[in-house]
Amino acid sequence: MCHGGDFGAGVSSWLGRRHAARIIGLRLNYIPRSYRPGLQPGAVLSREEQQFLADADRWEEEFGAYDHVQFRTPQTVANGLNDSPAALAAWILEKFRDWGDCDGDLEKRFTWDELLANVTLYWMTETIHSACRLYFEMRTAPLHLAQGERIEVPCGIARLPKEAPFPPQSWIERGYNVQHWTELARGMLPGFGRGSTRRRCSYGEGHSTTAS
């Protein structure tokens, strides 16, 4: 069984793609941005799918600067961040603020122990280099399925509303064997949060559908 969000969703997807006979299921709360289904010639996209692709392009234009710099010149930004704890903290905590479903108030969702432990982990191990290179490596090996190819391992999707842009179910089902779909009421970064917030974001407060 493989579970993943963010880069973990990419790892889980690749494991399902390459080792389907050894995996009983996938559980994903994120779909890799590089994912493209293997569309047949003449495939017609739904209006919802077309809107998603347009939204994804718009999001990349407005909010994807961090992605572009790490994809193009990962070591340039990594050397600067690895040299300054203030810069490293600003780089990481900005994303917690923007992505953490905290309405711009970090302490509403996270403890300072959680936040500083995360920053310290990168600082003490000097692993912001490898973290930045992941973006370059992801773009050089995108999850583009061949024509007619699908990841056949049974898959469950948990959709977090703040995880945007998130593909519509029909787009995901073109390449994944989706057997269960859960719409969560709130959240992003489900592995973090205080007490009941963590439980809500990870496991419930939403509605589910199961493939027949």
N, C-alpha and C. Protein backbone atom coordinates (compact mmCIF):
# COMPACT_ATOMS: atom_id res chain seq x y z
N MET A 1 0.85 -1.18 0.00
CA MET A 1 0.00 0.00 0.00
C MET A 1 0.89 1.24 0.00
N CYS A 2 0.61 2.18 -0.89
CA CYS A 2 1.40 3.41 -0.96
C CYS A 2 0.48 4.60 -0.71
N HIS A 3 0.94 5.51 0.15
CA HIS A 3 0.21 6.75 0.39
C HIS A 3 1.14 7.91 0.15
N GLY A 4 0.60 8.98 -0.46
CA GLY A 4 1.46 10.13 -0.65
C GLY A 4 0.69 11.39 -0.99
N GLY A 5 1.29 12.51 -0.61
CA GLY A 5 0.84 13.83 -1.02
C GLY A 5 2.08 14.59 -1.48
N ASP A 6 1.90 15.63 -2.26
CA ASP A 6 3.01 16.42 -2.77
C ASP A 6 3.98 15.50 -3.52
N PHE A 7 5.27 15.55 -3.21
CA PHE A 7 6.21 14.68 -3.92
C PHE A 7 5.93 13.21 -3.63
N GLY A 8 5.39 12.91 -2.46
CA GLY A 8 5.04 11.53 -2.14
C GLY A 8 3.99 10.96 -3.07
N ALA A 9 3.12 11.83 -3.59
CA ALA A 9 2.13 11.37 -4.57
C ALA A 9 2.82 10.96 -5.87
N GLY A 10 3.87 11.68 -6.23
CA GLY A 10 4.62 11.31 -7.41
C GLY A 10 5.34 9.98 -7.23
N VAL A 11 5.99 9.82 -6.06
CA VAL A 11 6.68 8.55 -5.77
C VAL A 11 5.68 7.39 -5.79
N SER A 12 4.54 7.58 -5.12
CA SER A 12 3.53 6.52 -5.07
C SER A 12 3.01 6.18 -6.47
N SER A 13 2.78 7.22 -7.26
CA SER A 13 2.28 7.00 -8.62
C SER A 13 3.28 6.21 -9.47
N TRP A 14 4.56 6.57 -9.36
CA TRP A 14 5.58 5.86 -10.12
C TRP A 14 5.71 4.42 -9.65
N LEU A 15 5.59 4.18 -8.35
CA LEU A 15 5.63 2.81 -7.86
C LEU A 15 4.45 2.01 -8.42
N GLY A 16 3.27 2.62 -8.42
CA GLY A 16 2.11 1.95 -8.99
C GLY A 16 2.26 1.70 -10.47
N ARG A 17 2.90 2.61 -11.15
CA ARG A 17 3.10 2.46 -12.60
C ARG A 17 4.09 1.34 -12.92
N ARG A 18 5.17 1.28 -12.14
CA ARG A 18 6.24 0.34 -12.46
C ARG A 18 6.11 -1.01 -11.76
N HIS A 19 5.43 -1.04 -10.62
CA HIS A 19 5.39 -2.27 -9.82
C HIS A 19 3.97 -2.61 -9.40
N ALA A 20 3.05 -2.56 -10.35
CA ALA A 20 1.63 -2.76 -10.05
C ALA A 20 1.37 -4.11 -9.40
N ALA A 21 2.11 -5.14 -9.76
CA ALA A 21 1.87 -6.48 -9.23
C ALA A 21 2.23 -6.61 -7.76
N ARG A 22 2.99 -5.66 -7.24
CA ARG A 22 3.47 -5.75 -5.85
C ARG A 22 2.79 -4.75 -4.93
N ILE A 23 1.83 -3.99 -5.45
CA ILE A 23 1.16 -2.96 -4.66
C ILE A 23 -0.34 -3.20 -4.69
N ILE A 24 -0.97 -3.20 -3.51
CA ILE A 24 -2.40 -3.49 -3.46
C ILE A 24 -3.26 -2.24 -3.61
N GLY A 25 -2.67 -1.07 -3.41
CA GLY A 25 -3.47 0.14 -3.54
C GLY A 25 -2.65 1.40 -3.39
N LEU A 26 -3.21 2.49 -3.92
CA LEU A 26 -2.65 3.83 -3.76
C LEU A 26 -3.65 4.70 -3.03
N ARG A 27 -3.15 5.58 -2.16
CA ARG A 27 -4.00 6.58 -1.52
C ARG A 27 -3.30 7.92 -1.68
N LEU A 28 -3.91 8.82 -2.42
CA LEU A 28 -3.27 10.07 -2.78
C LEU A 28 -4.13 11.26 -2.35
N ASN A 29 -3.48 12.30 -1.80
CA ASN A 29 -4.20 13.56 -1.56
C ASN A 29 -3.63 14.68 -2.43
N TYR A 30 -2.95 14.29 -3.48
CA TYR A 30 -2.37 15.24 -4.42
C TYR A 30 -2.10 14.47 -5.71
N ILE A 31 -2.22 15.14 -6.83
CA ILE A 31 -1.88 14.54 -8.11
C ILE A 31 -0.67 15.30 -8.67
N PRO A 32 0.40 14.59 -9.03
CA PRO A 32 1.59 15.28 -9.52
C PRO A 32 1.25 16.27 -10.64
N ARG A 33 1.82 17.46 -10.55
CA ARG A 33 1.50 18.48 -11.55
C ARG A 33 1.98 18.08 -12.93
N SER A 34 2.98 17.21 -12.99
CA SER A 34 3.49 16.78 -14.29
C SER A 34 2.60 15.72 -14.94
N TYR A 35 1.62 15.21 -14.20
CA TYR A 35 0.78 14.12 -14.72
C TYR A 35 0.01 14.55 -15.97
N ARG A 36 0.11 13.70 -16.98
CA ARG A 36 -0.71 13.84 -18.18
C ARG A 36 -1.18 12.46 -18.59
N PRO A 37 -2.47 12.27 -18.75
CA PRO A 37 -2.96 10.95 -19.17
C PRO A 37 -2.59 10.68 -20.62
N GLY A 38 -2.56 9.40 -20.98
CA GLY A 38 -2.24 9.01 -22.35
C GLY A 38 -3.48 9.08 -23.22
N LEU A 39 -3.81 10.26 -23.69
CA LEU A 39 -5.05 10.46 -24.44
C LEU A 39 -4.98 9.80 -25.81
N GLN A 40 -6.10 9.24 -26.22
CA GLN A 40 -6.22 8.69 -27.56
C GLN A 40 -6.35 9.84 -28.56
N PRO A 41 -5.93 9.63 -29.80
CA PRO A 41 -6.11 10.67 -30.83
C PRO A 41 -7.58 11.07 -30.94
N GLY A 42 -7.82 12.35 -30.97
CA GLY A 42 -9.18 12.83 -31.10
C GLY A 42 -9.97 12.86 -29.81
N ALA A 43 -9.31 12.58 -28.68
CA ALA A 43 -10.01 12.61 -27.39
C ALA A 43 -10.57 14.00 -27.13
N VAL A 44 -11.79 14.05 -26.67
CA VAL A 44 -12.47 15.32 -26.40
C VAL A 44 -12.46 15.57 -24.89
N LEU A 45 -11.95 16.71 -24.50
CA LEU A 45 -11.92 17.06 -23.08
C LEU A 45 -13.25 17.70 -22.68
N SER A 46 -13.67 17.39 -21.47
CA SER A 46 -14.88 18.01 -20.96
C SER A 46 -14.61 19.48 -20.66
N ARG A 47 -15.66 20.24 -20.48
CA ARG A 47 -15.51 21.66 -20.12
C ARG A 47 -14.78 21.80 -18.80
N GLU A 48 -15.06 20.88 -17.86
CA GLU A 48 -14.39 20.92 -16.56
C GLU A 48 -12.89 20.66 -16.72
N GLU A 49 -12.52 19.73 -17.57
CA GLU A 49 -11.10 19.43 -17.79
C GLU A 49 -10.40 20.60 -18.47
N GLN A 50 -11.04 21.20 -19.44
CA GLN A 50 -10.46 22.36 -20.11
C GLN A 50 -10.26 23.51 -19.12
N GLN A 51 -11.23 23.71 -18.23
CA GLN A 51 -11.11 24.77 -17.24
C GLN A 51 -9.96 24.50 -16.28
N PHE A 52 -9.80 23.23 -15.89
CA PHE A 52 -8.69 22.87 -15.01
C PHE A 52 -7.35 23.20 -15.65
N LEU A 53 -7.16 22.83 -16.91
CA LEU A 53 -5.89 23.09 -17.59
C LEU A 53 -5.63 24.60 -17.69
N ALA A 54 -6.68 25.37 -17.94
CA ALA A 54 -6.52 26.82 -17.98
C ALA A 54 -6.18 27.37 -16.60
N ASP A 55 -6.84 26.86 -15.56
CA ASP A 55 -6.57 27.29 -14.19
C ASP A 55 -5.14 26.93 -13.78
N ALA A 56 -4.68 25.74 -14.19
CA ALA A 56 -3.32 25.31 -13.84
C ALA A 56 -2.29 26.23 -14.48
N ASP A 57 -2.50 26.61 -15.73
CA ASP A 57 -1.58 27.54 -16.40
C ASP A 57 -1.59 28.90 -15.70
N ARG A 58 -2.77 29.36 -15.31
CA ARG A 58 -2.88 30.65 -14.64
C ARG A 58 -2.20 30.60 -13.27
N TRP A 59 -2.39 29.51 -12.53
CA TRP A 59 -1.76 29.37 -11.21
C TRP A 59 -0.24 29.38 -11.36
N GLU A 60 0.27 28.67 -12.36
CA GLU A 60 1.72 28.62 -12.57
C GLU A 60 2.26 30.02 -12.88
N GLU A 61 1.51 30.79 -13.62
CA GLU A 61 1.94 32.14 -13.97
C GLU A 61 1.93 33.06 -12.75
N GLU A 62 0.93 32.94 -11.89
CA GLU A 62 0.77 33.86 -10.77
C GLU A 62 1.54 33.44 -9.52
N PHE A 63 1.64 32.13 -9.28
CA PHE A 63 2.20 31.66 -8.01
C PHE A 63 3.38 30.70 -8.16
N GLY A 64 3.80 30.44 -9.38
CA GLY A 64 4.79 29.40 -9.59
C GLY A 64 6.23 29.85 -9.69
N ALA A 65 6.54 31.04 -9.19
CA ALA A 65 7.93 31.53 -9.30
C ALA A 65 8.90 30.61 -8.59
N TYR A 66 8.53 30.14 -7.40
CA TYR A 66 9.41 29.24 -6.64
C TYR A 66 9.69 27.97 -7.45
N ASP A 67 8.69 27.51 -8.17
CA ASP A 67 8.81 26.31 -8.99
C ASP A 67 9.78 26.55 -10.15
N HIS A 68 9.61 27.69 -10.82
CA HIS A 68 10.44 27.98 -11.99
C HIS A 68 11.92 28.11 -11.62
N VAL A 69 12.22 28.81 -10.52
CA VAL A 69 13.63 29.02 -10.18
C VAL A 69 14.28 27.71 -9.77
N GLN A 70 13.54 26.84 -9.10
CA GLN A 70 14.13 25.56 -8.69
C GLN A 70 14.25 24.61 -9.88
N PHE A 71 13.36 24.73 -10.83
CA PHE A 71 13.44 23.91 -12.03
C PHE A 71 14.60 24.34 -12.91
N ARG A 72 14.78 25.66 -13.06
CA ARG A 72 15.80 26.17 -13.98
C ARG A 72 17.19 26.20 -13.36
N THR A 73 17.30 26.78 -12.16
CA THR A 73 18.62 26.97 -11.53
C THR A 73 18.56 26.58 -10.05
N PRO A 74 18.36 25.30 -9.77
CA PRO A 74 18.15 24.90 -8.37
C PRO A 74 19.35 25.20 -7.46
N GLN A 75 20.56 25.05 -7.97
CA GLN A 75 21.72 25.24 -7.10
C GLN A 75 21.96 26.71 -6.78
N THR A 76 21.55 27.60 -7.66
CA THR A 76 21.72 29.02 -7.38
C THR A 76 20.94 29.43 -6.15
N VAL A 77 19.66 29.10 -6.12
CA VAL A 77 18.84 29.46 -4.97
C VAL A 77 19.24 28.65 -3.74
N ALA A 78 19.64 27.39 -3.93
CA ALA A 78 20.00 26.54 -2.79
C ALA A 78 21.23 27.06 -2.07
N ASN A 79 22.23 27.53 -2.83
CA ASN A 79 23.44 28.05 -2.18
C ASN A 79 23.13 29.26 -1.32
N GLY A 80 22.26 30.14 -1.79
CA GLY A 80 21.89 31.30 -0.98
C GLY A 80 21.12 30.92 0.26
N LEU A 81 20.16 30.01 0.12
CA LEU A 81 19.36 29.58 1.27
C LEU A 81 20.20 28.83 2.29
N ASN A 82 21.16 28.05 1.82
CA ASN A 82 21.99 27.27 2.73
C ASN A 82 22.98 28.14 3.48
N ASP A 83 23.16 29.38 3.04
CA ASP A 83 24.12 30.29 3.66
C ASP A 83 23.48 31.21 4.68
N SER A 84 22.13 31.25 4.71
CA SER A 84 21.45 32.21 5.59
C SER A 84 20.25 31.56 6.27
N PRO A 85 20.28 31.39 7.58
CA PRO A 85 19.11 30.83 8.27
C PRO A 85 17.88 31.72 8.14
N ALA A 86 18.08 33.04 8.05
CA ALA A 86 16.93 33.93 7.90
C ALA A 86 16.28 33.73 6.53
N ALA A 87 17.11 33.63 5.49
CA ALA A 87 16.56 33.40 4.16
C ALA A 87 15.87 32.04 4.07
N LEU A 88 16.47 31.02 4.66
CA LEU A 88 15.88 29.68 4.66
C LEU A 88 14.53 29.68 5.37
N ALA A 89 14.47 30.33 6.53
CA ALA A 89 13.21 30.40 7.27
C ALA A 89 12.15 31.15 6.48
N ALA A 90 12.53 32.25 5.84
CA ALA A 90 11.56 33.01 5.05
C ALA A 90 11.04 32.18 3.89
N TRP A 91 11.94 31.47 3.22
CA TRP A 91 11.57 30.65 2.06
C TRP A 91 10.57 29.57 2.46
N ILE A 92 10.82 28.89 3.57
CA ILE A 92 9.97 27.77 4.00
C ILE A 92 8.68 28.26 4.65
N LEU A 93 8.78 29.23 5.55
CA LEU A 93 7.60 29.66 6.30
C LEU A 93 6.60 30.40 5.41
N GLU A 94 7.07 31.04 4.36
CA GLU A 94 6.14 31.66 3.42
C GLU A 94 5.19 30.62 2.85
N LYS A 95 5.70 29.43 2.54
CA LYS A 95 4.86 28.39 1.96
C LYS A 95 3.93 27.79 2.99
N PHE A 96 4.36 27.67 4.22
CA PHE A 96 3.44 27.24 5.28
C PHE A 96 2.29 28.24 5.42
N ARG A 97 2.62 29.52 5.33
CA ARG A 97 1.58 30.54 5.43
C ARG A 97 0.62 30.48 4.25
N ASP A 98 1.17 30.34 3.05
CA ASP A 98 0.33 30.36 1.86
C ASP A 98 -0.46 29.07 1.67
N TRP A 99 0.12 27.94 2.04
CA TRP A 99 -0.48 26.65 1.75
C TRP A 99 -1.12 25.97 2.97
N GLY A 100 -0.97 26.55 4.13
CA GLY A 100 -1.35 25.86 5.36
C GLY A 100 -2.79 25.99 5.80
N ASP A 101 -3.66 26.57 4.96
CA ASP A 101 -5.07 26.73 5.34
C ASP A 101 -5.19 27.40 6.71
N CYS A 102 -4.43 28.50 6.88
CA CYS A 102 -4.39 29.18 8.17
C CYS A 102 -4.83 30.64 8.06
N ASP A 103 -5.37 31.03 6.90
CA ASP A 103 -5.83 32.40 6.68
C ASP A 103 -4.75 33.43 6.94
N GLY A 104 -3.49 33.08 6.62
CA GLY A 104 -2.39 34.00 6.77
C GLY A 104 -1.82 34.10 8.17
N ASP A 105 -2.38 33.35 9.13
CA ASP A 105 -1.91 33.37 10.52
C ASP A 105 -1.31 32.02 10.85
N LEU A 106 0.01 31.93 10.83
CA LEU A 106 0.69 30.65 11.04
C LEU A 106 0.30 29.99 12.36
N GLU A 107 0.16 30.80 13.43
CA GLU A 107 -0.12 30.23 14.75
C GLU A 107 -1.54 29.69 14.87
N LYS A 108 -2.37 30.00 13.90
CA LYS A 108 -3.72 29.45 13.90
C LYS A 108 -3.72 27.96 13.59
N ARG A 109 -2.71 27.52 12.89
CA ARG A 109 -2.67 26.13 12.43
C ARG A 109 -1.48 25.35 12.95
N PHE A 110 -0.35 26.04 13.18
CA PHE A 110 0.89 25.36 13.52
C PHE A 110 1.45 25.87 14.85
N THR A 111 2.23 25.03 15.52
CA THR A 111 3.01 25.50 16.66
C THR A 111 4.37 25.96 16.16
N TRP A 112 5.01 26.83 16.92
CA TRP A 112 6.34 27.28 16.51
C TRP A 112 7.34 26.13 16.60
N ASP A 113 7.12 25.18 17.50
CA ASP A 113 7.98 24.01 17.54
C ASP A 113 7.92 23.24 16.22
N GLU A 114 6.72 23.08 15.68
CA GLU A 114 6.58 22.39 14.39
C GLU A 114 7.29 23.15 13.28
N LEU A 115 7.06 24.45 13.22
CA LEU A 115 7.64 25.26 12.15
C LEU A 115 9.16 25.31 12.22
N LEU A 116 9.69 25.59 13.42
CA LEU A 116 11.13 25.72 13.56
C LEU A 116 11.83 24.37 13.45
N ALA A 117 11.17 23.30 13.85
CA ALA A 117 11.75 21.97 13.65
C ALA A 117 11.92 21.68 12.17
N ASN A 118 10.94 22.10 11.38
CA ASN A 118 11.03 21.88 9.93
C ASN A 118 12.18 22.67 9.33
N VAL A 119 12.30 23.95 9.69
CA VAL A 119 13.39 24.78 9.18
C VAL A 119 14.74 24.24 9.66
N THR A 120 14.82 23.87 10.94
CA THR A 120 16.07 23.38 11.50
C THR A 120 16.53 22.10 10.83
N LEU A 121 15.58 21.25 10.45
CA LEU A 121 15.94 20.01 9.77
C LEU A 121 16.71 20.29 8.49
N TYR A 122 16.24 21.27 7.71
CA TYR A 122 16.94 21.63 6.48
C TYR A 122 18.28 22.31 6.79
N TRP A 123 18.31 23.15 7.84
CA TRP A 123 19.52 23.90 8.14
C TRP A 123 20.64 22.99 8.65
N MET A 124 20.33 22.12 9.59
CA MET A 124 21.36 21.29 10.21
C MET A 124 21.88 20.23 9.24
N THR A 125 21.04 19.74 8.36
CA THR A 125 21.46 18.69 7.43
C THR A 125 21.93 19.23 6.08
N GLU A 126 21.74 20.54 5.86
CA GLU A 126 22.10 21.19 4.61
C GLU A 126 21.46 20.48 3.40
N THR A 127 20.20 20.16 3.56
CA THR A 127 19.50 19.42 2.50
C THR A 127 18.56 20.29 1.67
N ILE A 128 18.65 21.62 1.80
CA ILE A 128 17.85 22.45 0.90
C ILE A 128 18.35 22.26 -0.53
N HIS A 129 19.60 21.86 -0.70
CA HIS A 129 20.13 21.59 -2.04
C HIS A 129 19.33 20.47 -2.72
N SER A 130 19.22 19.33 -2.04
CA SER A 130 18.51 18.20 -2.65
C SER A 130 17.02 18.52 -2.78
N ALA A 131 16.47 19.30 -1.85
CA ALA A 131 15.06 19.68 -1.95
C ALA A 131 14.81 20.51 -3.21
N CYS A 132 15.71 21.43 -3.51
CA CYS A 132 15.56 22.25 -4.72
C CYS A 132 15.77 21.43 -5.98
N ARG A 133 16.70 20.49 -5.94
CA ARG A 133 16.97 19.68 -7.13
C ARG A 133 15.78 18.78 -7.49
N LEU A 134 14.94 18.45 -6.51
CA LEU A 134 13.77 17.63 -6.80
C LEU A 134 12.92 18.25 -7.91
N TYR A 135 12.82 19.57 -7.91
CA TYR A 135 11.99 20.23 -8.92
C TYR A 135 12.59 20.05 -10.31
N PHE A 136 13.91 20.17 -10.39
CA PHE A 136 14.58 19.94 -11.66
C PHE A 136 14.38 18.49 -12.12
N GLU A 137 14.55 17.55 -11.19
CA GLU A 137 14.42 16.14 -11.55
C GLU A 137 12.99 15.80 -11.94
N MET A 138 12.01 16.42 -11.27
CA MET A 138 10.62 16.16 -11.60
C MET A 138 10.31 16.60 -13.02
N ARG A 139 10.83 17.76 -13.42
CA ARG A 139 10.55 18.27 -14.75
C ARG A 139 11.28 17.49 -15.84
N THR A 140 12.41 16.87 -15.51
CA THR A 140 13.13 16.08 -16.52
C THR A 140 12.58 14.67 -16.64
N ALA A 141 11.74 14.23 -15.69
CA ALA A 141 11.10 12.92 -15.75
C ALA A 141 9.64 13.06 -15.37
N PRO A 142 8.84 13.72 -16.21
CA PRO A 142 7.43 13.97 -15.86
C PRO A 142 6.60 12.70 -15.93
N LEU A 143 5.47 12.73 -15.23
CA LEU A 143 4.56 11.59 -15.23
C LEU A 143 3.62 11.71 -16.42
N HIS A 144 4.15 11.44 -17.59
CA HIS A 144 3.37 11.47 -18.82
C HIS A 144 3.10 10.03 -19.25
N LEU A 145 1.85 9.61 -19.18
CA LEU A 145 1.50 8.25 -19.53
C LEU A 145 1.45 8.09 -21.05
N ALA A 146 1.82 6.91 -21.51
CA ALA A 146 1.77 6.62 -22.94
C ALA A 146 0.31 6.50 -23.38
N GLN A 147 0.09 6.62 -24.68
CA GLN A 147 -1.26 6.53 -25.22
C GLN A 147 -1.92 5.23 -24.79
N GLY A 148 -3.07 5.34 -24.14
CA GLY A 148 -3.81 4.19 -23.68
C GLY A 148 -3.33 3.59 -22.37
N GLU A 149 -2.21 4.10 -21.82
CA GLU A 149 -1.66 3.55 -20.57
C GLU A 149 -2.44 4.08 -19.37
N ARG A 150 -2.62 3.23 -18.36
CA ARG A 150 -3.23 3.64 -17.10
C ARG A 150 -2.45 3.03 -15.95
N ILE A 151 -2.49 3.66 -14.80
CA ILE A 151 -1.95 3.08 -13.57
C ILE A 151 -3.08 2.25 -12.98
N GLU A 152 -2.98 0.93 -13.10
CA GLU A 152 -4.11 0.06 -12.81
C GLU A 152 -4.26 -0.32 -11.35
N VAL A 153 -3.30 0.04 -10.51
CA VAL A 153 -3.45 -0.23 -9.08
C VAL A 153 -4.67 0.51 -8.55
N PRO A 154 -5.58 -0.16 -7.80
CA PRO A 154 -6.74 0.56 -7.25
C PRO A 154 -6.30 1.77 -6.44
N CYS A 155 -7.00 2.87 -6.65
CA CYS A 155 -6.55 4.14 -6.09
C CYS A 155 -7.69 4.84 -5.36
N GLY A 156 -7.38 5.39 -4.19
CA GLY A 156 -8.30 6.25 -3.46
C GLY A 156 -7.76 7.67 -3.44
N ILE A 157 -8.64 8.64 -3.69
CA ILE A 157 -8.26 10.04 -3.75
C ILE A 157 -8.93 10.80 -2.61
N ALA A 158 -8.15 11.57 -1.86
CA ALA A 158 -8.69 12.49 -0.87
C ALA A 158 -8.41 13.91 -1.36
N ARG A 159 -9.47 14.63 -1.71
CA ARG A 159 -9.30 15.96 -2.28
C ARG A 159 -9.41 17.03 -1.19
N LEU A 160 -8.31 17.76 -1.00
CA LEU A 160 -8.27 18.85 -0.04
C LEU A 160 -8.61 20.15 -0.76
N PRO A 161 -9.56 20.91 -0.26
CA PRO A 161 -10.05 22.08 -1.01
C PRO A 161 -9.01 23.16 -1.24
N LYS A 162 -8.00 23.27 -0.37
CA LYS A 162 -6.97 24.29 -0.55
C LYS A 162 -5.85 23.81 -1.46
N GLU A 163 -5.91 22.56 -1.88
CA GLU A 163 -4.90 22.01 -2.77
C GLU A 163 -5.29 22.35 -4.20
N ALA A 164 -4.95 23.54 -4.61
CA ALA A 164 -5.39 24.03 -5.92
C ALA A 164 -4.18 24.42 -6.76
N PRO A 165 -4.28 24.24 -8.07
CA PRO A 165 -5.42 23.66 -8.80
C PRO A 165 -5.40 22.13 -8.72
N PHE A 166 -6.55 21.53 -8.41
CA PHE A 166 -6.65 20.08 -8.27
C PHE A 166 -7.44 19.54 -9.46
N PRO A 167 -6.95 18.50 -10.14
CA PRO A 167 -7.64 18.02 -11.34
C PRO A 167 -9.04 17.51 -11.02
N PRO A 168 -9.97 17.64 -11.95
CA PRO A 168 -11.29 17.04 -11.76
C PRO A 168 -11.18 15.51 -11.80
N GLN A 169 -12.17 14.87 -11.22
CA GLN A 169 -12.12 13.42 -11.13
C GLN A 169 -12.00 12.76 -12.50
N SER A 170 -12.67 13.31 -13.50
CA SER A 170 -12.63 12.71 -14.83
C SER A 170 -11.22 12.72 -15.42
N TRP A 171 -10.46 13.79 -15.16
CA TRP A 171 -9.09 13.89 -15.67
C TRP A 171 -8.18 12.86 -15.00
N ILE A 172 -8.36 12.67 -13.70
CA ILE A 172 -7.56 11.69 -12.97
C ILE A 172 -7.91 10.28 -13.42
N GLU A 173 -9.20 10.02 -13.61
CA GLU A 173 -9.63 8.68 -14.00
C GLU A 173 -9.16 8.28 -15.39
N ARG A 174 -8.74 9.22 -16.19
CA ARG A 174 -8.17 8.87 -17.50
C ARG A 174 -6.86 8.10 -17.35
N GLY A 175 -6.17 8.28 -16.21
CA GLY A 175 -4.88 7.62 -16.04
C GLY A 175 -4.75 6.77 -14.79
N TYR A 176 -5.67 6.93 -13.84
CA TYR A 176 -5.64 6.17 -12.59
C TYR A 176 -6.91 5.32 -12.47
N ASN A 177 -6.77 4.19 -11.78
CA ASN A 177 -7.90 3.30 -11.51
C ASN A 177 -8.56 3.75 -10.20
N VAL A 178 -9.32 4.84 -10.27
CA VAL A 178 -9.91 5.45 -9.07
C VAL A 178 -11.10 4.62 -8.60
N GLN A 179 -11.00 4.12 -7.36
CA GLN A 179 -12.06 3.33 -6.77
C GLN A 179 -12.78 4.03 -5.62
N HIS A 180 -12.16 5.07 -5.09
CA HIS A 180 -12.76 5.79 -3.96
C HIS A 180 -12.33 7.25 -4.02
N TRP A 181 -13.29 8.13 -3.78
CA TRP A 181 -13.03 9.58 -3.87
C TRP A 181 -13.66 10.26 -2.66
N THR A 182 -12.86 11.01 -1.93
CA THR A 182 -13.34 11.73 -0.75
C THR A 182 -13.11 13.22 -0.92
N GLU A 183 -14.17 14.00 -0.73
CA GLU A 183 -14.08 15.45 -0.73
C GLU A 183 -14.00 15.91 0.72
N LEU A 184 -12.83 16.42 1.13
CA LEU A 184 -12.66 16.89 2.49
C LEU A 184 -13.15 18.33 2.62
N ALA A 185 -13.62 18.68 3.79
CA ALA A 185 -14.26 19.97 4.00
C ALA A 185 -13.26 21.11 4.07
N ARG A 186 -12.03 20.83 4.50
CA ARG A 186 -11.04 21.88 4.62
C ARG A 186 -9.66 21.26 4.64
N GLY A 187 -8.66 22.13 4.46
CA GLY A 187 -7.32 21.66 4.72
C GLY A 187 -6.37 21.67 3.54
N MET A 188 -5.09 21.63 3.90
CA MET A 188 -3.95 21.40 3.04
C MET A 188 -2.83 21.05 3.99
N LEU A 189 -1.75 20.46 3.50
CA LEU A 189 -0.68 19.97 4.37
C LEU A 189 -1.26 19.13 5.51
N PRO A 190 -1.93 18.00 5.20
CA PRO A 190 -2.68 17.27 6.21
C PRO A 190 -1.82 16.63 7.29
N GLY A 191 -0.51 16.49 7.05
CA GLY A 191 0.34 15.90 8.08
C GLY A 191 0.65 16.84 9.22
N PHE A 192 0.30 18.12 9.07
CA PHE A 192 0.55 19.10 10.11
C PHE A 192 -0.78 19.58 10.71
N GLY A 193 -0.67 20.26 11.82
CA GLY A 193 -1.85 20.87 12.42
C GLY A 193 -2.01 20.45 13.86
N ARG A 194 -2.87 21.14 14.55
CA ARG A 194 -3.05 20.89 15.97
C ARG A 194 -4.24 19.98 16.22
N GLY A 195 -3.99 18.92 16.91
CA GLY A 195 -5.04 18.07 17.44
C GLY A 195 -6.15 17.76 16.48
N SER A 196 -7.36 18.27 16.78
CA SER A 196 -8.53 17.95 15.98
C SER A 196 -8.40 18.45 14.55
N THR A 197 -7.63 19.53 14.34
CA THR A 197 -7.44 20.03 12.98
C THR A 197 -6.72 19.00 12.14
N ARG A 198 -5.70 18.37 12.71
CA ARG A 198 -4.98 17.34 11.99
C ARG A 198 -5.91 16.20 11.63
N ARG A 199 -6.72 15.78 12.57
CA ARG A 199 -7.60 14.65 12.30
C ARG A 199 -8.61 15.02 11.22
N ARG A 200 -9.14 16.24 11.28
CA ARG A 200 -10.12 16.65 10.27
C ARG A 200 -9.50 16.64 8.88
N CYS A 201 -8.31 17.23 8.78
CA CYS A 201 -7.70 17.36 7.47
C CYS A 201 -7.27 16.02 6.91
N SER A 202 -6.89 15.08 7.76
CA SER A 202 -6.35 13.83 7.28
C SER A 202 -7.43 12.79 7.00
N TYR A 203 -8.47 12.75 7.80
CA TYR A 203 -9.31 11.56 7.76
C TYR A 203 -10.79 11.78 7.58
N GLY A 204 -11.27 12.99 7.61
CA GLY A 204 -12.73 13.03 7.58
C GLY A 204 -13.30 14.38 7.22
N GLU A 205 -14.44 14.67 7.79
CA GLU A 205 -15.19 15.88 7.53
C GLU A 205 -15.31 16.13 6.04
N GLY A 206 -16.06 15.31 5.38
CA GLY A 206 -16.30 15.45 3.96
C GLY A 206 -17.24 14.36 3.52
N HIS A 207 -17.34 14.15 2.23
CA HIS A 207 -18.18 13.08 1.75
C HIS A 207 -17.41 12.24 0.75
N SER A 208 -17.78 10.97 0.66
CA SER A 208 -17.03 10.02 -0.14
C SER A 208 -17.93 9.35 -1.17
N THR A 209 -17.31 8.93 -2.26
CA THR A 209 -18.00 8.12 -3.26
C THR A 209 -17.09 6.95 -3.60
N THR A 210 -17.69 5.82 -3.90
CA THR A 210 -16.95 4.62 -4.23
C THR A 210 -17.39 4.13 -5.60
N ALA A 211 -16.40 3.73 -6.42
CA ALA A 211 -16.72 3.24 -7.75
C ALA A 211 -17.52 1.95 -7.66
N SER A 212 -18.51 1.82 -8.52
CA SER A 212 -19.31 0.60 -8.53
C SER A 212 -18.68 -0.45 -9.39
